[in-house]
């Protein structure tokens, strides 16, 4: 069985639920606590490509930092990615990766689609 990676925030109920679902399936899971070890710019670009979405679609637009940084007005994909690297709290969670494909686990049951 191939490795599954989850970008996880233990304080997030959806992230905890997704991790639990993976573990219940007997999945070999690598947990990346992305708030402790934020992804690099290159890693984020890779994630976006696997997800098939734009940087804004990966952002938590209701976070206070999103409003504080005025990101609603920013159109430049690079600047949005840089903001997520600097402020990983902006990254939607959980993100689950397997075999070069990724999903955002919202709702958490979406992670089962990858298995």
PDB file of N, CA and C in Angstrom:
ATOM      1  N   UNK A   1       0.846  -1.183   0.000  1.00  0.00           N
ATOM      2  CA  UNK A   1       0.000   0.000   0.000  1.00  0.00           C
ATOM      3  C   UNK A   1       0.888   1.242   0.000  1.00  0.00           C
ATOM      4  N   UNK A   2       0.564   2.207  -0.856  1.00  0.00           N
ATOM      5  CA  UNK A   2       1.416   3.392  -0.934  1.00  0.00           C
ATOM      6  C   UNK A   2       1.116   4.362   0.209  1.00  0.00           C
ATOM      7  N   UNK A   3       2.102   5.171   0.484  1.00  0.00           N
ATOM      8  CA  UNK A   3       2.059   6.131   1.583  1.00  0.00           C
ATOM      9  C   UNK A   3       1.035   7.228   1.303  1.00  0.00           C
ATOM     10  N   UNK A   4       0.365   7.658   2.344  1.00  0.00           N
ATOM     11  CA  UNK A   4      -0.566   8.770   2.280  1.00  0.00           C
ATOM     12  C   UNK A   4      -0.028   9.854   3.207  1.00  0.00           C
ATOM     13  N   UNK A   5      -0.055  11.094   2.727  1.00  0.00           N
ATOM     14  CA  UNK A   5       0.403  12.227   3.531  1.00  0.00           C
ATOM     15  C   UNK A   5      -0.790  13.117   3.829  1.00  0.00           C
ATOM     16  N   UNK A   6      -0.885  13.571   5.073  1.00  0.00           N
ATOM     17  CA  UNK A   6      -1.943  14.518   5.434  1.00  0.00           C
ATOM     18  C   UNK A   6      -1.301  15.771   6.014  1.00  0.00           C
ATOM     19  N   UNK A   7      -1.660  16.926   5.449  1.00  0.00           N
ATOM     20  CA  UNK A   7      -1.269  18.213   6.025  1.00  0.00           C
ATOM     21  C   UNK A   7      -2.329  18.481   7.084  1.00  0.00           C
ATOM     22  N   UNK A   8      -1.905  18.428   8.336  1.00  0.00           N
ATOM     23  CA  UNK A   8      -2.816  18.299   9.470  1.00  0.00           C
ATOM     24  C   UNK A   8      -2.641  19.421  10.472  1.00  0.00           C
ATOM     25  N   UNK A   9      -3.774  19.863  11.023  1.00  0.00           N
ATOM     26  CA  UNK A   9      -3.782  20.789  12.144  1.00  0.00           C
ATOM     27  C   UNK A   9      -4.560  20.089  13.263  1.00  0.00           C
ATOM     28  N   UNK A  10      -3.869  19.628  14.306  1.00  0.00           N
ATOM     29  CA  UNK A  10      -4.522  18.879  15.372  1.00  0.00           C
ATOM     30  C   UNK A  10      -5.650  19.645  16.077  1.00  0.00           C
ATOM     31  N   UNK A  11      -5.650  20.968  15.957  1.00  0.00           N
ATOM     32  CA  UNK A  11      -6.688  21.766  16.616  1.00  0.00           C
ATOM     33  C   UNK A  11      -7.956  21.875  15.771  1.00  0.00           C
ATOM     34  N   UNK A  12      -7.911  21.373  14.544  1.00  0.00           N
ATOM     35  CA  UNK A  12      -9.049  21.471  13.629  1.00  0.00           C
ATOM     36  C   UNK A  12      -9.856  20.169  13.661  1.00  0.00           C
ATOM     37  N   UNK A  13     -11.143  20.273  13.932  1.00  0.00           N
ATOM     38  CA  UNK A  13     -11.979  19.071  14.033  1.00  0.00           C
ATOM     39  C   UNK A  13     -12.064  18.326  12.698  1.00  0.00           C
ATOM     40  N   UNK A  14     -12.146  19.045  11.582  1.00  0.00           N
ATOM     41  CA  UNK A  14     -12.214  18.385  10.266  1.00  0.00           C
ATOM     42  C   UNK A  14     -10.918  17.627   9.979  1.00  0.00           C
ATOM     43  N   UNK A  15      -9.806  18.217  10.366  1.00  0.00           N
ATOM     44  CA  UNK A  15      -8.505  17.586  10.162  1.00  0.00           C
ATOM     45  C   UNK A  15      -8.385  16.326  11.022  1.00  0.00           C
ATOM     46  N   UNK A  16      -8.819  16.423  12.264  1.00  0.00           N
ATOM     47  CA  UNK A  16      -8.790  15.249  13.155  1.00  0.00           C
ATOM     48  C   UNK A  16      -9.694  14.141  12.618  1.00  0.00           C
ATOM     49  N   UNK A  17     -10.867  14.527  12.124  1.00  0.00           N
ATOM     50  CA  UNK A  17     -11.804  13.554  11.563  1.00  0.00           C
ATOM     51  C   UNK A  17     -11.213  12.838  10.350  1.00  0.00           C
ATOM     52  N   UNK A  18     -10.579  13.613   9.469  1.00  0.00           N
ATOM     53  CA  UNK A  18      -9.973  13.032   8.264  1.00  0.00           C
ATOM     54  C   UNK A  18      -8.859  12.057   8.643  1.00  0.00           C
ATOM     55  N   UNK A  19      -8.025  12.430   9.596  1.00  0.00           N
ATOM     56  CA  UNK A  19      -6.943  11.556  10.043  1.00  0.00           C
ATOM     57  C   UNK A  19      -7.514  10.268  10.638  1.00  0.00           C
ATOM     58  N   UNK A  20      -8.570  10.395  11.420  1.00  0.00           N
ATOM     59  CA  UNK A  20      -9.210   9.224  12.019  1.00  0.00           C
ATOM     60  C   UNK A  20      -9.751   8.289  10.927  1.00  0.00           C
ATOM     61  N   UNK A  21     -10.391   8.858   9.910  1.00  0.00           N
ATOM     62  CA  UNK A  21     -10.904   8.051   8.794  1.00  0.00           C
ATOM     63  C   UNK A  21      -9.777   7.279   8.116  1.00  0.00           C
ATOM     64  N   UNK A  22      -8.659   7.949   7.880  1.00  0.00           N
ATOM     65  CA  UNK A  22      -7.516   7.295   7.242  1.00  0.00           C
ATOM     66  C   UNK A  22      -6.996   6.154   8.107  1.00  0.00           C
ATOM     67  N   UNK A  23      -6.874   6.415   9.402  1.00  0.00           N
ATOM     68  CA  UNK A  23      -6.369   5.387  10.312  1.00  0.00           C
ATOM     69  C   UNK A  23      -7.323   4.199  10.394  1.00  0.00           C
ATOM     70  N   UNK A  24      -8.628   4.471  10.372  1.00  0.00           N
ATOM     71  CA  UNK A  24      -9.630   3.397  10.410  1.00  0.00           C
ATOM     72  C   UNK A  24      -9.547   2.504   9.173  1.00  0.00           C
ATOM     73  N   UNK A  25      -9.064   3.070   8.070  1.00  0.00           N
ATOM     74  CA  UNK A  25      -8.908   2.314   6.831  1.00  0.00           C
ATOM     75  C   UNK A  25      -7.605   1.508   6.822  1.00  0.00           C
ATOM     76  N   UNK A  26      -6.809   1.653   7.903  1.00  0.00           N
ATOM     77  CA  UNK A  26      -5.541   0.945   7.979  1.00  0.00           C
ATOM     78  C   UNK A  26      -4.470   1.562   7.094  1.00  0.00           C
ATOM     79  N   UNK A  27      -4.637   2.837   6.799  1.00  0.00           N
ATOM     80  CA  UNK A  27      -3.723   3.548   5.907  1.00  0.00           C
ATOM     81  C   UNK A  27      -2.422   3.907   6.615  1.00  0.00           C
ATOM     82  N   UNK A  28      -1.309   3.749   5.893  1.00  0.00           N
ATOM     83  CA  UNK A  28       0.002   4.175   6.372  1.00  0.00           C
ATOM     84  C   UNK A  28       0.078   5.689   6.143  1.00  0.00           C
ATOM     85  N   UNK A  29      -0.064   6.468   7.214  1.00  0.00           N
ATOM     86  CA  UNK A  29      -0.196   7.921   7.089  1.00  0.00           C
ATOM     87  C   UNK A  29       1.031   8.648   7.618  1.00  0.00           C
ATOM     88  N   UNK A  30       1.549   9.556   6.793  1.00  0.00           N
ATOM     89  CA  UNK A  30       2.587  10.483   7.249  1.00  0.00           C
ATOM     90  C   UNK A  30       1.868  11.783   7.599  1.00  0.00           C
ATOM     91  N   UNK A  31       1.989  12.208   8.850  1.00  0.00           N
ATOM     92  CA  UNK A  31       1.311  13.415   9.315  1.00  0.00           C
ATOM     93  C   UNK A  31       2.281  14.589   9.260  1.00  0.00           C
ATOM     94  N   UNK A  32       1.895  15.631   8.529  1.00  0.00           N
ATOM     95  CA  UNK A  32       2.683  16.857   8.454  1.00  0.00           C
ATOM     96  C   UNK A  32       1.905  17.939   9.191  1.00  0.00           C
ATOM     97  N   UNK A  33       2.430  18.350  10.332  1.00  0.00           N
ATOM     98  CA  UNK A  33       1.795  19.442  11.079  1.00  0.00           C
ATOM     99  C   UNK A  33       2.286  20.740  10.449  1.00  0.00           C
ATOM    100  N   UNK A  34       1.525  21.191   9.456  1.00  0.00           N
ATOM    101  CA  UNK A  34       1.998  22.283   8.600  1.00  0.00           C
ATOM    102  C   UNK A  34       2.111  23.627   9.317  1.00  0.00           C
ATOM    103  N   UNK A  35       1.498  23.776  10.475  1.00  0.00           N
ATOM    104  CA  UNK A  35       1.686  25.028  11.216  1.00  0.00           C
ATOM    105  C   UNK A  35       3.060  25.051  11.885  1.00  0.00           C
ATOM    106  N   UNK A  36       3.573  23.845  12.228  1.00  0.00           N
ATOM    107  CA  UNK A  36       4.909  23.736  12.825  1.00  0.00           C
ATOM    108  C   UNK A  36       5.996  23.735  11.753  1.00  0.00           C
ATOM    109  N   UNK A  37       5.736  23.064  10.638  1.00  0.00           N
ATOM    110  CA  UNK A  37       6.686  22.994   9.517  1.00  0.00           C
ATOM    111  C   UNK A  37       5.948  23.372   8.240  1.00  0.00           C
ATOM    112  N   UNK A  38       5.825  24.679   7.988  1.00  0.00           N
ATOM    113  CA  UNK A  38       5.067  25.145   6.822  1.00  0.00           C
ATOM    114  C   UNK A  38       5.678  24.662   5.514  1.00  0.00           C
ATOM    115  N   UNK A  39       4.817  24.415   4.512  1.00  0.00           N
ATOM    116  CA  UNK A  39       5.333  24.022   3.207  1.00  0.00           C
ATOM    117  C   UNK A  39       6.077  25.183   2.551  1.00  0.00           C
ATOM    118  N   UNK A  40       7.063  24.841   1.736  1.00  0.00           N
ATOM    119  CA  UNK A  40       7.801  25.861   0.989  1.00  0.00           C
ATOM    120  C   UNK A  40       6.932  26.332  -0.173  1.00  0.00           C
ATOM    121  N   UNK A  41       7.402  27.358  -0.834  1.00  0.00           N
ATOM    122  CA  UNK A  41       6.708  27.883  -2.011  1.00  0.00           C
ATOM    123  C   UNK A  41       6.567  26.776  -3.068  1.00  0.00           C
ATOM    124  N   UNK A  42       7.634  26.013  -3.275  1.00  0.00           N
ATOM    125  CA  UNK A  42       7.624  24.943  -4.271  1.00  0.00           C
ATOM    126  C   UNK A  42       6.636  23.844  -3.883  1.00  0.00           C
ATOM    127  N   UNK A  43       6.622  23.491  -2.586  1.00  0.00           N
ATOM    128  CA  UNK A  43       5.678  22.476  -2.115  1.00  0.00           C
ATOM    129  C   UNK A  43       4.234  22.932  -2.311  1.00  0.00           C
ATOM    130  N   UNK A  44       3.966  24.201  -2.024  1.00  0.00           N
ATOM    131  CA  UNK A  44       2.611  24.723  -2.216  1.00  0.00           C
ATOM    132  C   UNK A  44       2.211  24.686  -3.688  1.00  0.00           C
ATOM    133  N   UNK A  45       3.136  25.057  -4.554  1.00  0.00           N
ATOM    134  CA  UNK A  45       2.840  25.026  -5.996  1.00  0.00           C
ATOM    135  C   UNK A  45       2.537  23.595  -6.435  1.00  0.00           C
ATOM    136  N   UNK A  46       3.286  22.653  -5.913  1.00  0.00           N
ATOM    137  CA  UNK A  46       3.064  21.242  -6.228  1.00  0.00           C
ATOM    138  C   UNK A  46       1.690  20.797  -5.727  1.00  0.00           C
ATOM    139  N   UNK A  47       1.343  21.196  -4.506  1.00  0.00           N
ATOM    140  CA  UNK A  47       0.034  20.859  -3.944  1.00  0.00           C
ATOM    141  C   UNK A  47      -1.091  21.436  -4.804  1.00  0.00           C
ATOM    142  N   UNK A  48      -0.937  22.687  -5.200  1.00  0.00           N
ATOM    143  CA  UNK A  48      -1.962  23.332  -6.028  1.00  0.00           C
ATOM    144  C   UNK A  48      -2.155  22.580  -7.346  1.00  0.00           C
ATOM    145  N   UNK A  49      -1.048  22.145  -7.925  1.00  0.00           N
ATOM    146  CA  UNK A  49      -1.114  21.395  -9.174  1.00  0.00           C
ATOM    147  C   UNK A  49      -1.842  20.063  -8.969  1.00  0.00           C
ATOM    148  N   UNK A  50      -1.502  19.353  -7.877  1.00  0.00           N
ATOM    149  CA  UNK A  50      -2.160  18.075  -7.585  1.00  0.00           C
ATOM    150  C   UNK A  50      -3.649  18.266  -7.315  1.00  0.00           C
ATOM    151  N   UNK A  51      -3.985  19.370  -6.646  1.00  0.00           N
ATOM    152  CA  UNK A  51      -5.384  19.654  -6.318  1.00  0.00           C
ATOM    153  C   UNK A  51      -6.149  20.180  -7.530  1.00  0.00           C
ATOM    154  N   UNK A  52      -5.419  20.786  -8.480  1.00  0.00           N
ATOM    155  CA  UNK A  52      -6.060  21.367  -9.658  1.00  0.00           C
ATOM    156  C   UNK A  52      -6.864  22.618  -9.332  1.00  0.00           C
ATOM    157  N   UNK A  53      -6.350  23.402  -8.380  1.00  0.00           N
ATOM    158  CA  UNK A  53      -7.053  24.624  -7.973  1.00  0.00           C
ATOM    159  C   UNK A  53      -6.092  25.806  -7.943  1.00  0.00           C
ATOM    160  N   UNK A  54      -6.664  27.006  -7.803  1.00  0.00           N
ATOM    161  CA  UNK A  54      -5.849  28.223  -7.694  1.00  0.00           C
ATOM    162  C   UNK A  54      -5.430  28.430  -6.246  1.00  0.00           C
ATOM    163  N   UNK A  55      -4.474  29.312  -6.051  1.00  0.00           N
ATOM    164  CA  UNK A  55      -3.996  29.620  -4.700  1.00  0.00           C
ATOM    165  C   UNK A  55      -5.144  30.128  -3.832  1.00  0.00           C
ATOM    166  N   UNK A  56      -5.989  30.979  -4.363  1.00  0.00           N
ATOM    167  CA  UNK A  56      -7.097  31.525  -3.571  1.00  0.00           C
ATOM    168  C   UNK A  56      -8.038  30.411  -3.107  1.00  0.00           C
ATOM    169  N   UNK A  57      -8.243  29.413  -3.950  1.00  0.00           N
ATOM    170  CA  UNK A  57      -9.135  28.309  -3.586  1.00  0.00           C
ATOM    171  C   UNK A  57      -8.573  27.476  -2.436  1.00  0.00           C
ATOM    172  N   UNK A  58      -7.272  27.582  -2.195  1.00  0.00           N
ATOM    173  CA  UNK A  58      -6.639  26.851  -1.097  1.00  0.00           C
ATOM    174  C   UNK A  58      -6.597  27.686   0.191  1.00  0.00           C
ATOM    175  N   UNK A  59      -7.064  28.923   0.099  1.00  0.00           N
ATOM    176  CA  UNK A  59      -6.949  29.835   1.238  1.00  0.00           C
ATOM    177  C   UNK A  59      -8.193  29.841   2.109  1.00  0.00           C
ATOM    178  N   UNK A  60      -7.937  29.990   3.392  1.00  0.00           N
ATOM    179  CA  UNK A  60      -9.021  30.166   4.363  1.00  0.00           C
ATOM    180  C   UNK A  60      -9.338  31.664   4.403  1.00  0.00           C
ATOM    181  N   UNK A  61     -10.312  32.058   3.616  1.00  0.00           N
ATOM    182  CA  UNK A  61     -10.614  33.478   3.432  1.00  0.00           C
ATOM    183  C   UNK A  61     -11.318  34.112   4.635  1.00  0.00           C
ATOM    184  N   UNK A  62     -11.736  33.301   5.581  1.00  0.00           N
ATOM    185  CA  UNK A  62     -12.405  33.868   6.769  1.00  0.00           C
ATOM    186  C   UNK A  62     -11.422  34.115   7.912  1.00  0.00           C
ATOM    187  N   UNK A  63     -10.162  33.721   7.737  1.00  0.00           N
ATOM    188  CA  UNK A  63      -9.148  33.973   8.770  1.00  0.00           C
ATOM    189  C   UNK A  63      -8.906  35.478   8.892  1.00  0.00           C
ATOM    190  N   UNK A  64      -8.691  35.945  10.108  1.00  0.00           N
ATOM    191  CA  UNK A  64      -8.432  37.366  10.358  1.00  0.00           C
ATOM    192  C   UNK A  64      -7.224  37.854   9.560  1.00  0.00           C
ATOM    193  N   UNK A  65      -6.183  37.027   9.475  1.00  0.00           N
ATOM    194  CA  UNK A  65      -4.953  37.435   8.775  1.00  0.00           C
ATOM    195  C   UNK A  65      -5.223  37.686   7.295  1.00  0.00           C
ATOM    196  N   UNK A  66      -6.181  36.979   6.712  1.00  0.00           N
ATOM    197  CA  UNK A  66      -6.562  37.183   5.309  1.00  0.00           C
ATOM    198  C   UNK A  66      -7.049  38.624   5.112  1.00  0.00           C
ATOM    199  N   UNK A  67      -7.903  39.049   6.027  1.00  0.00           N
ATOM    200  CA  UNK A  67      -8.442  40.410   5.949  1.00  0.00           C
ATOM    201  C   UNK A  67      -7.363  41.441   6.279  1.00  0.00           C
ATOM    202  N   UNK A  68      -6.560  41.154   7.330  1.00  0.00           N
ATOM    203  CA  UNK A  68      -5.502  42.087   7.747  1.00  0.00           C
ATOM    204  C   UNK A  68      -4.509  42.353   6.618  1.00  0.00           C
ATOM    205  N   UNK A  69      -4.184  41.323   5.849  1.00  0.00           N
ATOM    206  CA  UNK A  69      -3.215  41.465   4.759  1.00  0.00           C
ATOM    207  C   UNK A  69      -3.847  42.008   3.468  1.00  0.00           C
ATOM    208  N   UNK A  70      -5.157  42.199   3.480  1.00  0.00           N
ATOM    209  CA  UNK A  70      -5.848  42.720   2.300  1.00  0.00           C
ATOM    210  C   UNK A  70      -5.764  41.776   1.105  1.00  0.00           C
ATOM    211  N   UNK A  71      -5.795  40.477   1.359  1.00  0.00           N
ATOM    212  CA  UNK A  71      -5.590  39.498   0.284  1.00  0.00           C
ATOM    213  C   UNK A  71      -6.768  39.393  -0.683  1.00  0.00           C
ATOM    214  N   UNK A  72      -7.927  39.888  -0.272  1.00  0.00           N
ATOM    215  CA  UNK A  72      -9.090  39.849  -1.166  1.00  0.00           C
ATOM    216  C   UNK A  72      -8.814  40.639  -2.451  1.00  0.00           C
ATOM    217  N   UNK A  73      -7.998  41.675  -2.306  1.00  0.00           N
ATOM    218  CA  UNK A  73      -7.686  42.556  -3.440  1.00  0.00           C
ATOM    219  C   UNK A  73      -6.535  42.029  -4.298  1.00  0.00           C
ATOM    220  N   UNK A  74      -5.804  41.032  -3.821  1.00  0.00           N
ATOM    221  CA  UNK A  74      -4.616  40.535  -4.516  1.00  0.00           C
ATOM    222  C   UNK A  74      -5.015  39.529  -5.593  1.00  0.00           C
ATOM    223  N   UNK A  75      -4.556  39.775  -6.823  1.00  0.00           N
ATOM    224  CA  UNK A  75      -4.839  38.870  -7.938  1.00  0.00           C
ATOM    225  C   UNK A  75      -3.635  38.001  -8.293  1.00  0.00           C
ATOM    226  N   UNK A  76      -2.443  38.441  -7.898  1.00  0.00           N
ATOM    227  CA  UNK A  76      -1.202  37.761  -8.255  1.00  0.00           C
ATOM    228  C   UNK A  76      -1.062  36.444  -7.511  1.00  0.00           C
ATOM    229  N   UNK A  77      -1.073  35.341  -8.247  1.00  0.00           N
ATOM    230  CA  UNK A  77      -0.979  33.982  -7.701  1.00  0.00           C
ATOM    231  C   UNK A  77       0.284  33.828  -6.833  1.00  0.00           C
ATOM    232  N   UNK A  78       1.400  34.374  -7.303  1.00  0.00           N
ATOM    233  CA  UNK A  78       2.666  34.281  -6.561  1.00  0.00           C
ATOM    234  C   UNK A  78       2.562  34.941  -5.190  1.00  0.00           C
ATOM    235  N   UNK A  79       1.932  36.096  -5.142  1.00  0.00           N
ATOM    236  CA  UNK A  79       1.787  36.819  -3.874  1.00  0.00           C
ATOM    237  C   UNK A  79       0.880  36.048  -2.910  1.00  0.00           C
ATOM    238  N   UNK A  80      -0.156  35.411  -3.433  1.00  0.00           N
ATOM    239  CA  UNK A  80      -1.044  34.613  -2.589  1.00  0.00           C
ATOM    240  C   UNK A  80      -0.295  33.401  -2.023  1.00  0.00           C
ATOM    241  N   UNK A  81       0.517  32.773  -2.861  1.00  0.00           N
ATOM    242  CA  UNK A  81       1.315  31.630  -2.411  1.00  0.00           C
ATOM    243  C   UNK A  81       2.309  32.081  -1.341  1.00  0.00           C
ATOM    244  N   UNK A  82       2.974  33.208  -1.573  1.00  0.00           N
ATOM    245  CA  UNK A  82       3.925  33.744  -0.593  1.00  0.00           C
ATOM    246  C   UNK A  82       3.240  34.033   0.743  1.00  0.00           C
ATOM    247  N   UNK A  83       2.009  34.538   0.684  1.00  0.00           N
ATOM    248  CA  UNK A  83       1.261  34.821   1.920  1.00  0.00           C
ATOM    249  C   UNK A  83       0.998  33.528   2.687  1.00  0.00           C
ATOM    250  N   UNK A  84       0.691  32.436   1.978  1.00  0.00           N
ATOM    251  CA  UNK A  84       0.451  31.155   2.653  1.00  0.00           C
ATOM    252  C   UNK A  84       1.734  30.580   3.243  1.00  0.00           C
ATOM    253  N   UNK A  85       2.863  30.808   2.571  1.00  0.00           N
ATOM    254  CA  UNK A  85       4.153  30.340   3.099  1.00  0.00           C
ATOM    255  C   UNK A  85       4.461  31.100   4.398  1.00  0.00           C
ATOM    256  N   UNK A  86       4.244  32.406   4.382  1.00  0.00           N
ATOM    257  CA  UNK A  86       4.529  33.232   5.560  1.00  0.00           C
ATOM    258  C   UNK A  86       3.518  33.029   6.686  1.00  0.00           C
ATOM    259  N   UNK A  87       2.273  32.738   6.308  1.00  0.00           N
ATOM    260  CA  UNK A  87       1.181  32.598   7.278  1.00  0.00           C
ATOM    261  C   UNK A  87       0.427  31.299   6.993  1.00  0.00           C
ATOM    262  N   UNK A  88       0.992  30.156   7.389  1.00  0.00           N
ATOM    263  CA  UNK A  88       0.384  28.861   7.047  1.00  0.00           C
ATOM    264  C   UNK A  88      -1.037  28.676   7.581  1.00  0.00           C
ATOM    265  N   UNK A  89      -1.442  29.494   8.533  1.00  0.00           N
ATOM    266  CA  UNK A  89      -2.814  29.437   9.036  1.00  0.00           C
ATOM    267  C   UNK A  89      -3.818  29.698   7.902  1.00  0.00           C
ATOM    268  N   UNK A  90      -3.351  30.353   6.847  1.00  0.00           N
ATOM    269  CA  UNK A  90      -4.219  30.654   5.695  1.00  0.00           C
ATOM    270  C   UNK A  90      -4.544  29.422   4.844  1.00  0.00           C
ATOM    271  N   UNK A  91      -3.777  28.352   5.018  1.00  0.00           N
ATOM    272  CA  UNK A  91      -3.950  27.163   4.172  1.00  0.00           C
ATOM    273  C   UNK A  91      -5.137  26.342   4.646  1.00  0.00           C
ATOM    274  N   UNK A  92      -6.025  26.051   3.695  1.00  0.00           N
ATOM    275  CA  UNK A  92      -7.181  25.200   3.997  1.00  0.00           C
ATOM    276  C   UNK A  92      -6.692  23.828   4.427  1.00  0.00           C
ATOM    277  N   UNK A  93      -7.425  23.183   5.287  1.00  0.00           N
ATOM    278  CA  UNK A  93      -7.010  21.892   5.817  1.00  0.00           C
ATOM    279  C   UNK A  93      -8.200  20.981   5.960  1.00  0.00           C
ATOM    280  N   UNK A  94      -7.951  19.713   6.069  1.00  0.00           N
ATOM    281  CA  UNK A  94      -6.708  18.992   5.828  1.00  0.00           C
ATOM    282  C   UNK A  94      -6.502  18.750   4.333  1.00  0.00           C
ATOM    283  N   UNK A  95      -5.255  18.593   3.932  1.00  0.00           N
ATOM    284  CA  UNK A  95      -4.931  18.216   2.553  1.00  0.00           C
ATOM    285  C   UNK A  95      -4.344  16.812   2.632  1.00  0.00           C
ATOM    286  N   UNK A  96      -4.883  15.916   1.826  1.00  0.00           N
ATOM    287  CA  UNK A  96      -4.409  14.531   1.824  1.00  0.00           C
ATOM    288  C   UNK A  96      -3.868  14.209   0.440  1.00  0.00           C
ATOM    289  N   UNK A  97      -2.674  13.592   0.424  1.00  0.00           N
ATOM    290  CA  UNK A  97      -1.976  13.279  -0.830  1.00  0.00           C
ATOM    291  C   UNK A  97      -1.699  11.786  -0.920  1.00  0.00           C
ATOM    292  N   UNK A  98      -1.949  11.245  -2.105  1.00  0.00           N
ATOM    293  CA  UNK A  98      -1.591   9.849  -2.371  1.00  0.00           C
ATOM    294  C   UNK A  98      -1.342   9.699  -3.865  1.00  0.00           C
ATOM    295  N   UNK A  99      -0.219   9.067  -4.206  1.00  0.00           N
ATOM    296  CA  UNK A  99       0.113   8.761  -5.604  1.00  0.00           C
ATOM    297  C   UNK A  99       0.002   9.972  -6.537  1.00  0.00           C
ATOM    298  N   UNK A 100       0.494  11.123  -6.089  1.00  0.00           N
ATOM    299  CA  UNK A 100       0.508  12.309  -6.943  1.00  0.00           C
ATOM    300  C   UNK A 100      -0.838  12.992  -7.101  1.00  0.00           C
ATOM    301  N   UNK A 101      -1.830  12.559  -6.313  1.00  0.00           N
ATOM    302  CA  UNK A 101      -3.151  13.198  -6.324  1.00  0.00           C
ATOM    303  C   UNK A 101      -3.419  13.724  -4.929  1.00  0.00           C
ATOM    304  N   UNK A 102      -4.256  14.758  -4.853  1.00  0.00           N
ATOM    305  CA  UNK A 102      -4.553  15.351  -3.552  1.00  0.00           C
ATOM    306  C   UNK A 102      -6.014  15.783  -3.488  1.00  0.00           C
ATOM    307  N   UNK A 103      -6.539  15.815  -2.269  1.00  0.00           N
ATOM    308  CA  UNK A 103      -7.877  16.362  -2.013  1.00  0.00           C
ATOM    309  C   UNK A 103      -7.821  17.181  -0.731  1.00  0.00           C
ATOM    310  N   UNK A 104      -8.729  18.130  -0.654  1.00  0.00           N
ATOM    311  CA  UNK A 104      -8.944  18.857   0.597  1.00  0.00           C
ATOM    312  C   UNK A 104     -10.052  18.089   1.308  1.00  0.00           C
ATOM    313  N   UNK A 105      -9.793  17.691   2.526  1.00  0.00           N
ATOM    314  CA  UNK A 105     -10.739  16.870   3.278  1.00  0.00           C
ATOM    315  C   UNK A 105     -11.883  17.638   3.892  1.00  0.00           C
ATOM    316  N   UNK A 106     -12.628  18.320   3.066  1.00  0.00           N
ATOM    317  CA  UNK A 106     -13.829  19.039   3.505  1.00  0.00           C
ATOM    318  C   UNK A 106     -14.948  18.694   2.548  1.00  0.00           C
ATOM    319  N   UNK A 107     -15.861  17.875   2.952  1.00  0.00           N
ATOM    320  CA  UNK A 107     -15.955  17.185   4.228  1.00  0.00           C
ATOM    321  C   UNK A 107     -14.886  16.093   4.343  1.00  0.00           C
ATOM    322  N   UNK A 108     -14.599  15.653   5.567  1.00  0.00           N
ATOM    323  CA  UNK A 108     -13.539  14.669   5.784  1.00  0.00           C
ATOM    324  C   UNK A 108     -13.690  13.392   4.946  1.00  0.00           C
ATOM    325  N   UNK A 109     -14.906  13.002   4.610  1.00  0.00           N
ATOM    326  CA  UNK A 109     -15.139  11.780   3.836  1.00  0.00           C
ATOM    327  C   UNK A 109     -14.481  11.832   2.445  1.00  0.00           C
ATOM    328  N   UNK A 110     -14.158  13.035   1.982  1.00  0.00           N
ATOM    329  CA  UNK A 110     -13.510  13.161   0.670  1.00  0.00           C
ATOM    330  C   UNK A 110     -12.161  12.447   0.615  1.00  0.00           C
ATOM    331  N   UNK A 111     -11.515  12.271   1.770  1.00  0.00           N
ATOM    332  CA  UNK A 111     -10.200  11.615   1.774  1.00  0.00           C
ATOM    333  C   UNK A 111     -10.320  10.153   1.368  1.00  0.00           C
ATOM    334  N   UNK A 112     -11.475   9.543   1.593  1.00  0.00           N
ATOM    335  CA  UNK A 112     -11.685   8.143   1.242  1.00  0.00           C
ATOM    336  C   UNK A 112     -11.613   7.961  -0.276  1.00  0.00           C
ATOM    337  N   UNK A 113     -11.992   9.002  -1.045  1.00  0.00           N
ATOM    338  CA  UNK A 113     -11.945   8.949  -2.521  1.00  0.00           C
ATOM    339  C   UNK A 113     -10.540   8.644  -3.018  1.00  0.00           C
ATOM    340  N   UNK A 114      -9.529   9.061  -2.282  1.00  0.00           N
ATOM    341  CA  UNK A 114      -8.138   8.849  -2.699  1.00  0.00           C
ATOM    342  C   UNK A 114      -7.655   7.409  -2.488  1.00  0.00           C
ATOM    343  N   UNK A 115      -8.281   6.720  -1.550  1.00  0.00           N
ATOM    344  CA  UNK A 115      -7.775   5.399  -1.156  1.00  0.00           C
ATOM    345  C   UNK A 115      -8.109   4.301  -2.145  1.00  0.00           C
TER     346      UNK A 115
END
